[in-house]
Structures are given as structure tokens and as C-alpha cells.
Amino acid sequence: LIGRLRDLAAGCSGASGDCLPTNQRPGL
């Protein structure tokens, strides 16, 4: 599923540089 979502998200500009982040820890 992640592979198919990556294909769907090709060219996206996620905030962390990863279109499918698994870790969204705040800077603190």
C-alpha cells in the first residue's frame, strides 16, 4: 500500500521532505 501511495504522491512536497512520513516529532 505504501508503494502504491508513493506512486500516487510522486512529485509532492511534504513538510519533512518525505511524502509518507511515519515520524512527525516536533522539534522540541
mmCIF file of all heavy atoms, coordinates in Angstrom:
data_MODEL
# 
_entry.id   MODEL 
# 
loop_
_atom_site.group_PDB 
_atom_site.id 
_atom_site.type_symbol 
_atom_site.label_atom_id 
_atom_site.label_alt_id 
_atom_site.label_comp_id 
_atom_site.label_asym_id 
_atom_site.label_entity_id 
_atom_site.label_seq_id 
_atom_site.pdbx_PDB_ins_code 
_atom_site.Cartn_x 
_atom_site.Cartn_y 
_atom_site.Cartn_z 
_atom_site.occupancy 
_atom_site.B_iso_or_equiv 
_atom_site.pdbx_formal_charge 
_atom_site.auth_seq_id 
_atom_site.auth_comp_id 
_atom_site.auth_asym_id 
_atom_site.auth_atom_id 
_atom_site.pdbx_PDB_model_num 
ATOM 1   N N   . LEU A 1 1  ? 0.831  -1.199 0.000  1.00 0.00 ? 1  LEU A N   1 
ATOM 2   C CA  . LEU A 1 1  ? 0.000  0.000  0.000  1.00 0.00 ? 1  LEU A CA  1 
ATOM 3   C C   . LEU A 1 1  ? 0.871  1.256  0.000  1.00 0.00 ? 1  LEU A C   1 
ATOM 4   O O   . LEU A 1 1  ? 0.589  2.232  -0.723 1.00 0.00 ? 1  LEU A O   1 
ATOM 5   C CB  . LEU A 1 1  ? -0.918 -0.002 1.222  1.00 0.00 ? 1  LEU A CB  1 
ATOM 6   C CG  . LEU A 1 1  ? -1.771 1.250  1.431  1.00 0.00 ? 1  LEU A CG  1 
ATOM 7   C CD1 . LEU A 1 1  ? -2.689 1.484  0.238  1.00 0.00 ? 1  LEU A CD1 1 
ATOM 8   C CD2 . LEU A 1 1  ? -2.578 1.163  2.726  1.00 0.00 ? 1  LEU A CD2 1 
ATOM 9   N N   . ILE A 1 2  ? 1.940  1.246  0.787  1.00 0.00 ? 2  ILE A N   1 
ATOM 10  C CA  . ILE A 1 2  ? 2.837  2.403  0.824  1.00 0.00 ? 2  ILE A CA  1 
ATOM 11  C C   . ILE A 1 2  ? 3.460  2.633  -0.551 1.00 0.00 ? 2  ILE A C   1 
ATOM 12  O O   . ILE A 1 2  ? 3.599  3.771  -1.019 1.00 0.00 ? 2  ILE A O   1 
ATOM 13  C CB  . ILE A 1 2  ? 3.931  2.201  1.896  1.00 0.00 ? 2  ILE A CB  1 
ATOM 14  C CG1 . ILE A 1 2  ? 3.318  2.328  3.294  1.00 0.00 ? 2  ILE A CG1 1 
ATOM 15  C CG2 . ILE A 1 2  ? 5.061  3.204  1.723  1.00 0.00 ? 2  ILE A CG2 1 
ATOM 16  C CD1 . ILE A 1 2  ? 4.282  2.069  4.421  1.00 0.00 ? 2  ILE A CD1 1 
ATOM 17  N N   . GLY A 1 3  ? 3.835  1.549  -1.243 1.00 0.00 ? 3  GLY A N   1 
ATOM 18  C CA  . GLY A 1 3  ? 4.385  1.694  -2.580 1.00 0.00 ? 3  GLY A CA  1 
ATOM 19  C C   . GLY A 1 3  ? 3.393  2.323  -3.545 1.00 0.00 ? 3  GLY A C   1 
ATOM 20  O O   . GLY A 1 3  ? 3.757  3.197  -4.351 1.00 0.00 ? 3  GLY A O   1 
ATOM 21  N N   . ARG A 1 4  ? 2.142  1.919  -3.466 1.00 0.00 ? 4  ARG A N   1 
ATOM 22  C CA  . ARG A 1 4  ? 1.124  2.477  -4.362 1.00 0.00 ? 4  ARG A CA  1 
ATOM 23  C C   . ARG A 1 4  ? 0.827  3.936  -4.014 1.00 0.00 ? 4  ARG A C   1 
ATOM 24  O O   . ARG A 1 4  ? 0.588  4.771  -4.895 1.00 0.00 ? 4  ARG A O   1 
ATOM 25  C CB  . ARG A 1 4  ? -0.149 1.631  -4.279 1.00 0.00 ? 4  ARG A CB  1 
ATOM 26  C CG  . ARG A 1 4  ? 0.059  0.207  -4.749 1.00 0.00 ? 4  ARG A CG  1 
ATOM 27  C CD  . ARG A 1 4  ? -1.180 -0.629 -4.641 1.00 0.00 ? 4  ARG A CD  1 
ATOM 28  N NE  . ARG A 1 4  ? -2.198 -0.203 -5.606 1.00 0.00 ? 4  ARG A NE  1 
ATOM 29  C CZ  . ARG A 1 4  ? -3.409 -0.770 -5.713 1.00 0.00 ? 4  ARG A CZ  1 
ATOM 30  N NH1 . ARG A 1 4  ? -3.718 -1.792 -4.903 1.00 0.00 ? 4  ARG A NH1 1 
ATOM 31  N NH2 . ARG A 1 4  ? -4.278 -0.331 -6.599 1.00 0.00 ? 4  ARG A NH2 1 
ATOM 32  N N   . LEU A 1 5  ? 0.870  4.262  -2.707 1.00 0.00 ? 5  LEU A N   1 
ATOM 33  C CA  . LEU A 1 5  ? 0.674  5.659  -2.308 1.00 0.00 ? 5  LEU A CA  1 
ATOM 34  C C   . LEU A 1 5  ? 1.838  6.528  -2.771 1.00 0.00 ? 5  LEU A C   1 
ATOM 35  O O   . LEU A 1 5  ? 1.654  7.689  -3.153 1.00 0.00 ? 5  LEU A O   1 
ATOM 36  C CB  . LEU A 1 5  ? 0.513  5.757  -0.784 1.00 0.00 ? 5  LEU A CB  1 
ATOM 37  C CG  . LEU A 1 5  ? -0.817 5.270  -0.197 1.00 0.00 ? 5  LEU A CG  1 
ATOM 38  C CD1 . LEU A 1 5  ? -0.767 5.274  1.329  1.00 0.00 ? 5  LEU A CD1 1 
ATOM 39  C CD2 . LEU A 1 5  ? -1.975 6.139  -0.685 1.00 0.00 ? 5  LEU A CD2 1 
ATOM 40  N N   . ARG A 1 6  ? 3.055  5.971  -2.755 1.00 0.00 ? 6  ARG A N   1 
ATOM 41  C CA  . ARG A 1 6  ? 4.208  6.730  -3.239 1.00 0.00 ? 6  ARG A CA  1 
ATOM 42  C C   . ARG A 1 6  ? 4.066  7.048  -4.726 1.00 0.00 ? 6  ARG A C   1 
ATOM 43  O O   . ARG A 1 6  ? 4.396  8.143  -5.175 1.00 0.00 ? 6  ARG A O   1 
ATOM 44  C CB  . ARG A 1 6  ? 5.502  5.938  -2.996 1.00 0.00 ? 6  ARG A CB  1 
ATOM 45  C CG  . ARG A 1 6  ? 6.110  6.198  -1.667 1.00 0.00 ? 6  ARG A CG  1 
ATOM 46  C CD  . ARG A 1 6  ? 7.477  5.558  -1.546 1.00 0.00 ? 6  ARG A CD  1 
ATOM 47  N NE  . ARG A 1 6  ? 7.758  5.295  -0.145 1.00 0.00 ? 6  ARG A NE  1 
ATOM 48  C CZ  . ARG A 1 6  ? 8.098  6.229  0.715  1.00 0.00 ? 6  ARG A CZ  1 
ATOM 49  N NH1 . ARG A 1 6  ? 8.206  7.483  0.317  1.00 0.00 ? 6  ARG A NH1 1 
ATOM 50  N NH2 . ARG A 1 6  ? 8.303  5.920  1.977  1.00 0.00 ? 6  ARG A NH2 1 
ATOM 51  N N   . ASP A 1 7  ? 3.599  6.072  -5.461 1.00 0.00 ? 7  ASP A N   1 
ATOM 52  C CA  . ASP A 1 7  ? 3.383  6.326  -6.888 1.00 0.00 ? 7  ASP A CA  1 
ATOM 53  C C   . ASP A 1 7  ? 2.333  7.412  -7.084 1.00 0.00 ? 7  ASP A C   1 
ATOM 54  O O   . ASP A 1 7  ? 2.476  8.286  -7.956 1.00 0.00 ? 7  ASP A O   1 
ATOM 55  C CB  . ASP A 1 7  ? 2.927  5.036  -7.579 1.00 0.00 ? 7  ASP A CB  1 
ATOM 56  C CG  . ASP A 1 7  ? 4.016  3.967  -7.576 1.00 0.00 ? 7  ASP A CG  1 
ATOM 57  O OD1 . ASP A 1 7  ? 5.204  4.338  -7.444 1.00 0.00 ? 7  ASP A OD1 1 
ATOM 58  O OD2 . ASP A 1 7  ? 3.675  2.777  -7.688 1.00 0.00 ? 7  ASP A OD2 1 
ATOM 59  N N   . LEU A 1 8  ? 1.302  7.383  -6.244 1.00 0.00 ? 8  LEU A N   1 
ATOM 60  C CA  . LEU A 1 8  ? 0.251  8.383  -6.349 1.00 0.00 ? 8  LEU A CA  1 
ATOM 61  C C   . LEU A 1 8  ? 0.749  9.757  -5.925 1.00 0.00 ? 8  LEU A C   1 
ATOM 62  O O   . LEU A 1 8  ? 0.302  10.790 -6.425 1.00 0.00 ? 8  LEU A O   1 
ATOM 63  C CB  . LEU A 1 8  ? -0.943 7.957  -5.482 1.00 0.00 ? 8  LEU A CB  1 
ATOM 64  C CG  . LEU A 1 8  ? -2.224 8.799  -5.566 1.00 0.00 ? 8  LEU A CG  1 
ATOM 65  C CD1 . LEU A 1 8  ? -2.810 8.725  -6.973 1.00 0.00 ? 8  LEU A CD1 1 
ATOM 66  C CD2 . LEU A 1 8  ? -3.233 8.325  -4.535 1.00 0.00 ? 8  LEU A CD2 1 
ATOM 67  N N   . ALA A 1 9  ? 1.724  9.772  -4.951 1.00 0.00 ? 9  ALA A N   1 
ATOM 68  C CA  . ALA A 1 9  ? 2.227  11.029 -4.391 1.00 0.00 ? 9  ALA A CA  1 
ATOM 69  C C   . ALA A 1 9  ? 3.481  11.517 -5.091 1.00 0.00 ? 9  ALA A C   1 
ATOM 70  O O   . ALA A 1 9  ? 4.170  12.391 -4.575 1.00 0.00 ? 9  ALA A O   1 
ATOM 71  C CB  . ALA A 1 9  ? 2.528  10.835 -2.906 1.00 0.00 ? 9  ALA A CB  1 
ATOM 72  N N   . ALA A 1 10 ? 3.793  10.971 -6.270 1.00 0.00 ? 10 ALA A N   1 
ATOM 73  C CA  . ALA A 1 10 ? 5.016  11.370 -6.974 1.00 0.00 ? 10 ALA A CA  1 
ATOM 74  C C   . ALA A 1 10 ? 5.031  12.875 -7.210 1.00 0.00 ? 10 ALA A C   1 
ATOM 75  O O   . ALA A 1 10 ? 4.069  13.455 -7.709 1.00 0.00 ? 10 ALA A O   1 
ATOM 76  C CB  . ALA A 1 10 ? 5.116  10.638 -8.304 1.00 0.00 ? 10 ALA A CB  1 
ATOM 77  N N   . GLY A 1 11 ? 6.135  13.498 -6.812 1.00 0.00 ? 11 GLY A N   1 
ATOM 78  C CA  . GLY A 1 11 ? 6.288  14.937 -7.025 1.00 0.00 ? 11 GLY A CA  1 
ATOM 79  C C   . GLY A 1 11 ? 5.712  15.795 -5.930 1.00 0.00 ? 11 GLY A C   1 
ATOM 80  O O   . GLY A 1 11 ? 5.759  17.019 -6.020 1.00 0.00 ? 11 GLY A O   1 
ATOM 81  N N   . CYS A 1 12 ? 5.192  15.196 -4.843 1.00 0.00 ? 12 CYS A N   1 
ATOM 82  C CA  . CYS A 1 12 ? 4.631  16.025 -3.763 1.00 0.00 ? 12 CYS A CA  1 
ATOM 83  C C   . CYS A 1 12 ? 5.760  16.666 -2.963 1.00 0.00 ? 12 CYS A C   1 
ATOM 84  O O   . CYS A 1 12 ? 6.912  16.243 -3.030 1.00 0.00 ? 12 CYS A O   1 
ATOM 85  C CB  . CYS A 1 12 ? 3.734  15.187 -2.854 1.00 0.00 ? 12 CYS A CB  1 
ATOM 86  S SG  . CYS A 1 12 ? 4.630  14.144 -1.690 1.00 0.00 ? 12 CYS A SG  1 
ATOM 87  N N   . SER A 1 13 ? 5.414  17.673 -2.172 1.00 0.00 ? 13 SER A N   1 
ATOM 88  C CA  . SER A 1 13 ? 6.429  18.425 -1.397 1.00 0.00 ? 13 SER A CA  1 
ATOM 89  C C   . SER A 1 13 ? 6.061  18.387 0.073  1.00 0.00 ? 13 SER A C   1 
ATOM 90  O O   . SER A 1 13 ? 5.558  19.337 0.630  1.00 0.00 ? 13 SER A O   1 
ATOM 91  C CB  . SER A 1 13 ? 6.508  19.878 -1.888 1.00 0.00 ? 13 SER A CB  1 
ATOM 92  O OG  . SER A 1 13 ? 5.224  20.485 -1.844 1.00 0.00 ? 13 SER A OG  1 
ATOM 93  N N   . GLY A 1 14 ? 6.260  17.219 0.678  1.00 0.00 ? 14 GLY A N   1 
ATOM 94  C CA  . GLY A 1 14 ? 5.932  17.087 2.086  1.00 0.00 ? 14 GLY A CA  1 
ATOM 95  C C   . GLY A 1 14 ? 6.780  17.992 2.952  1.00 0.00 ? 14 GLY A C   1 
ATOM 96  O O   . GLY A 1 14 ? 7.900  18.360 2.597  1.00 0.00 ? 14 GLY A O   1 
ATOM 97  N N   . ALA A 1 15 ? 6.258  18.344 4.144  1.00 0.00 ? 15 ALA A N   1 
ATOM 98  C CA  . ALA A 1 15 ? 6.950  19.282 5.035  1.00 0.00 ? 15 ALA A CA  1 
ATOM 99  C C   . ALA A 1 15 ? 8.303  18.748 5.469  1.00 0.00 ? 15 ALA A C   1 
ATOM 100 O O   . ALA A 1 15 ? 9.246  19.495 5.665  1.00 0.00 ? 15 ALA A O   1 
ATOM 101 C CB  . ALA A 1 15 ? 6.069  19.573 6.252  1.00 0.00 ? 15 ALA A CB  1 
ATOM 102 N N   . SER A 1 16 ? 8.426  17.425 5.630  1.00 0.00 ? 16 SER A N   1 
ATOM 103 C CA  . SER A 1 16 ? 9.678  16.831 6.099  1.00 0.00 ? 16 SER A CA  1 
ATOM 104 C C   . SER A 1 16 ? 10.529 16.309 4.958  1.00 0.00 ? 16 SER A C   1 
ATOM 105 O O   . SER A 1 16 ? 11.553 15.676 5.185  1.00 0.00 ? 16 SER A O   1 
ATOM 106 C CB  . SER A 1 16 ? 9.370  15.682 7.067  1.00 0.00 ? 16 SER A CB  1 
ATOM 107 O OG  . SER A 1 16 ? 8.613  14.680 6.402  1.00 0.00 ? 16 SER A OG  1 
ATOM 108 N N   . GLY A 1 17 ? 10.121 16.578 3.706  1.00 0.00 ? 17 GLY A N   1 
ATOM 109 C CA  . GLY A 1 17 ? 10.855 16.047 2.567  1.00 0.00 ? 17 GLY A CA  1 
ATOM 110 C C   . GLY A 1 17 ? 10.431 14.636 2.228  1.00 0.00 ? 17 GLY A C   1 
ATOM 111 O O   . GLY A 1 17 ? 10.919 14.045 1.267  1.00 0.00 ? 17 GLY A O   1 
ATOM 112 N N   . ASP A 1 18 ? 9.527  14.056 3.008  1.00 0.00 ? 18 ASP A N   1 
ATOM 113 C CA  . ASP A 1 18 ? 9.024  12.711 2.785  1.00 0.00 ? 18 ASP A CA  1 
ATOM 114 C C   . ASP A 1 18 ? 7.513  12.803 2.622  1.00 0.00 ? 18 ASP A C   1 
ATOM 115 O O   . ASP A 1 18 ? 6.820  13.309 3.494  1.00 0.00 ? 18 ASP A O   1 
ATOM 116 C CB  . ASP A 1 18 ? 9.392  11.813 3.960  1.00 0.00 ? 18 ASP A CB  1 
ATOM 117 C CG  . ASP A 1 18 ? 8.978  10.365 3.733  1.00 0.00 ? 18 ASP A CG  1 
ATOM 118 O OD1 . ASP A 1 18 ? 8.420  10.066 2.654  1.00 0.00 ? 18 ASP A OD1 1 
ATOM 119 O OD2 . ASP A 1 18 ? 9.202  9.538  4.633  1.00 0.00 ? 18 ASP A OD2 1 
ATOM 120 N N   . CYS A 1 19 ? 7.010  12.299 1.510  1.00 0.00 ? 19 CYS A N   1 
ATOM 121 C CA  . CYS A 1 19 ? 5.574  12.382 1.267  1.00 0.00 ? 19 CYS A CA  1 
ATOM 122 C C   . CYS A 1 19 ? 4.788  11.425 2.147  1.00 0.00 ? 19 CYS A C   1 
ATOM 123 O O   . CYS A 1 19 ? 3.569  11.568 2.284  1.00 0.00 ? 19 CYS A O   1 
ATOM 124 C CB  . CYS A 1 19 ? 5.273  12.081 -0.200 1.00 0.00 ? 19 CYS A CB  1 
ATOM 125 S SG  . CYS A 1 19 ? 6.004  13.289 -1.322 1.00 0.00 ? 19 CYS A SG  1 
ATOM 126 N N   . LEU A 1 20 ? 5.457  10.416 2.712  1.00 0.00 ? 20 LEU A N   1 
ATOM 127 C CA  . LEU A 1 20 ? 4.777  9.445  3.576  1.00 0.00 ? 20 LEU A CA  1 
ATOM 128 C C   . LEU A 1 20 ? 5.537  9.324  4.898  1.00 0.00 ? 20 LEU A C   1 
ATOM 129 O O   . LEU A 1 20 ? 6.126  8.286  5.200  1.00 0.00 ? 20 LEU A O   1 
ATOM 130 C CB  . LEU A 1 20 ? 4.685  8.085  2.882  1.00 0.00 ? 20 LEU A CB  1 
ATOM 131 C CG  . LEU A 1 20 ? 3.766  8.038  1.659  1.00 0.00 ? 20 LEU A CG  1 
ATOM 132 C CD1 . LEU A 1 20 ? 4.016  6.783  0.854  1.00 0.00 ? 20 LEU A CD1 1 
ATOM 133 C CD2 . LEU A 1 20 ? 2.314  8.107  2.102  1.00 0.00 ? 20 LEU A CD2 1 
ATOM 134 N N   . PRO A 1 21 ? 5.579  10.371 5.700  1.00 0.00 ? 21 PRO A N   1 
ATOM 135 C CA  . PRO A 1 21 ? 6.345  10.324 6.958  1.00 0.00 ? 21 PRO A CA  1 
ATOM 136 C C   . PRO A 1 21 ? 5.679  9.425  7.991  1.00 0.00 ? 21 PRO A C   1 
ATOM 137 O O   . PRO A 1 21 ? 4.450  9.411  8.130  1.00 0.00 ? 21 PRO A O   1 
ATOM 138 C CB  . PRO A 1 21 ? 6.350  11.781 7.418  1.00 0.00 ? 21 PRO A CB  1 
ATOM 139 C CG  . PRO A 1 21 ? 5.102  12.361 6.837  1.00 0.00 ? 21 PRO A CG  1 
ATOM 140 C CD  . PRO A 1 21 ? 4.920  11.679 5.513  1.00 0.00 ? 21 PRO A CD  1 
ATOM 141 N N   . THR A 1 22 ? 6.483  8.661  8.696  1.00 0.00 ? 22 THR A N   1 
ATOM 142 C CA  . THR A 1 22 ? 5.983  7.846  9.804  1.00 0.00 ? 22 THR A CA  1 
ATOM 143 C C   . THR A 1 22 ? 6.333  8.462  11.154 1.00 0.00 ? 22 THR A C   1 
ATOM 144 O O   . THR A 1 22 ? 5.847  8.009  12.177 1.00 0.00 ? 22 THR A O   1 
ATOM 145 C CB  . THR A 1 22 ? 6.583  6.432  9.741  1.00 0.00 ? 22 THR A CB  1 
ATOM 146 O OG1 . THR A 1 22 ? 8.018  6.535  9.758  1.00 0.00 ? 22 THR A OG1 1 
ATOM 147 C CG2 . THR A 1 22 ? 6.151  5.721  8.470  1.00 0.00 ? 22 THR A CG2 1 
ATOM 148 N N   . ASN A 1 23 ? 7.183  9.477  11.133 1.00 0.00 ? 23 ASN A N   1 
ATOM 149 C CA  . ASN A 1 23 ? 7.595  10.128 12.384 1.00 0.00 ? 23 ASN A CA  1 
ATOM 150 C C   . ASN A 1 23 ? 7.428  11.628 12.219 1.00 0.00 ? 23 ASN A C   1 
ATOM 151 O O   . ASN A 1 23 ? 8.142  12.266 11.454 1.00 0.00 ? 23 ASN A O   1 
ATOM 152 C CB  . ASN A 1 23 ? 9.054  9.788  12.702 1.00 0.00 ? 23 ASN A CB  1 
ATOM 153 C CG  . ASN A 1 23 ? 9.514  10.384 14.016 1.00 0.00 ? 23 ASN A CG  1 
ATOM 154 O OD1 . ASN A 1 23 ? 8.745  11.050 14.719 1.00 0.00 ? 23 ASN A OD1 1 
ATOM 155 N ND2 . ASN A 1 23 ? 10.756 10.159 14.363 1.00 0.00 ? 23 ASN A ND2 1 
ATOM 156 N N   . GLN A 1 24 ? 6.469  12.198 12.917 1.00 0.00 ? 24 GLN A N   1 
ATOM 157 C CA  . GLN A 1 24 ? 6.198  13.628 12.839 1.00 0.00 ? 24 GLN A CA  1 
ATOM 158 C C   . GLN A 1 24 ? 6.455  14.288 14.192 1.00 0.00 ? 24 GLN A C   1 
ATOM 159 O O   . GLN A 1 24 ? 5.633  15.031 14.723 1.00 0.00 ? 24 GLN A O   1 
ATOM 160 C CB  . GLN A 1 24 ? 4.757  13.858 12.365 1.00 0.00 ? 24 GLN A CB  1 
ATOM 161 C CG  . GLN A 1 24 ? 4.546  13.394 10.921 1.00 0.00 ? 24 GLN A CG  1 
ATOM 162 C CD  . GLN A 1 24 ? 3.104  13.433 10.495 1.00 0.00 ? 24 GLN A CD  1 
ATOM 163 O OE1 . GLN A 1 24 ? 2.318  12.559 10.835 1.00 0.00 ? 24 GLN A OE1 1 
ATOM 164 N NE2 . GLN A 1 24 ? 2.729  14.458 9.741  1.00 0.00 ? 24 GLN A NE2 1 
ATOM 165 N N   . ARG A 1 25 ? 7.638  13.977 14.748 1.00 0.00 ? 25 ARG A N   1 
ATOM 166 C CA  . ARG A 1 25 ? 8.002  14.531 16.053 1.00 0.00 ? 25 ARG A CA  1 
ATOM 167 C C   . ARG A 1 25 ? 8.273  16.017 15.946 1.00 0.00 ? 25 ARG A C   1 
ATOM 168 O O   . ARG A 1 25 ? 8.997  16.460 15.053 1.00 0.00 ? 25 ARG A O   1 
ATOM 169 C CB  . ARG A 1 25 ? 9.250  13.835 16.614 1.00 0.00 ? 25 ARG A CB  1 
ATOM 170 C CG  . ARG A 1 25 ? 9.021  12.411 17.010 1.00 0.00 ? 25 ARG A CG  1 
ATOM 171 C CD  . ARG A 1 25 ? 10.107 11.871 17.902 1.00 0.00 ? 25 ARG A CD  1 
ATOM 172 N NE  . ARG A 1 25 ? 11.437 11.952 17.316 1.00 0.00 ? 25 ARG A NE  1 
ATOM 173 C CZ  . ARG A 1 25 ? 12.468 11.250 17.769 1.00 0.00 ? 25 ARG A CZ  1 
ATOM 174 N NH1 . ARG A 1 25 ? 12.304 10.439 18.795 1.00 0.00 ? 25 ARG A NH1 1 
ATOM 175 N NH2 . ARG A 1 25 ? 13.651 11.363 17.210 1.00 0.00 ? 25 ARG A NH2 1 
ATOM 176 N N   . PRO A 1 26 ? 7.737  16.799 16.881 1.00 0.00 ? 26 PRO A N   1 
ATOM 177 C CA  . PRO A 1 26 ? 8.076  18.231 16.906 1.00 0.00 ? 26 PRO A CA  1 
ATOM 178 C C   . PRO A 1 26 ? 9.557  18.432 17.199 1.00 0.00 ? 26 PRO A C   1 
ATOM 179 O O   . PRO A 1 26 ? 10.242 17.540 17.727 1.00 0.00 ? 26 PRO A O   1 
ATOM 180 C CB  . PRO A 1 26 ? 7.195  18.778 18.044 1.00 0.00 ? 26 PRO A CB  1 
ATOM 181 C CG  . PRO A 1 26 ? 6.112  17.773 18.220 1.00 0.00 ? 26 PRO A CG  1 
ATOM 182 C CD  . PRO A 1 26 ? 6.720  16.447 17.869 1.00 0.00 ? 26 PRO A CD  1 
ATOM 183 N N   . GLY A 1 27 ? 10.059 19.619 16.882 1.00 0.00 ? 27 GLY A N   1 
ATOM 184 C CA  . GLY A 1 27 ? 11.467 19.920 17.104 1.00 0.00 ? 27 GLY A CA  1 
ATOM 185 C C   . GLY A 1 27 ? 11.880 19.782 18.561 1.00 0.00 ? 27 GLY A C   1 
ATOM 186 O O   . GLY A 1 27 ? 12.995 19.335 18.859 1.00 0.00 ? 27 GLY A O   1 
ATOM 187 N N   . LEU A 1 28 ? 10.995 20.155 19.488 1.00 0.00 ? 28 LEU A N   1 
ATOM 188 C CA  . LEU A 1 28 ? 11.321 20.019 20.912 1.00 0.00 ? 28 LEU A CA  1 
ATOM 189 C C   . LEU A 1 28 ? 11.583 18.565 21.283 1.00 0.00 ? 28 LEU A C   1 
ATOM 190 O O   . LEU A 1 28 ? 12.512 18.263 22.040 1.00 0.00 ? 28 LEU A O   1 
ATOM 191 C CB  . LEU A 1 28 ? 10.177 20.577 21.761 1.00 0.00 ? 28 LEU A CB  1 
ATOM 192 C CG  . LEU A 1 28 ? 10.110 22.092 21.936 1.00 0.00 ? 28 LEU A CG  1 
ATOM 193 C CD1 . LEU A 1 28 ? 8.842  22.479 22.671 1.00 0.00 ? 28 LEU A CD1 1 
ATOM 194 C CD2 . LEU A 1 28 ? 11.331 22.613 22.686 1.00 0.00 ? 28 LEU A CD2 1 
# 
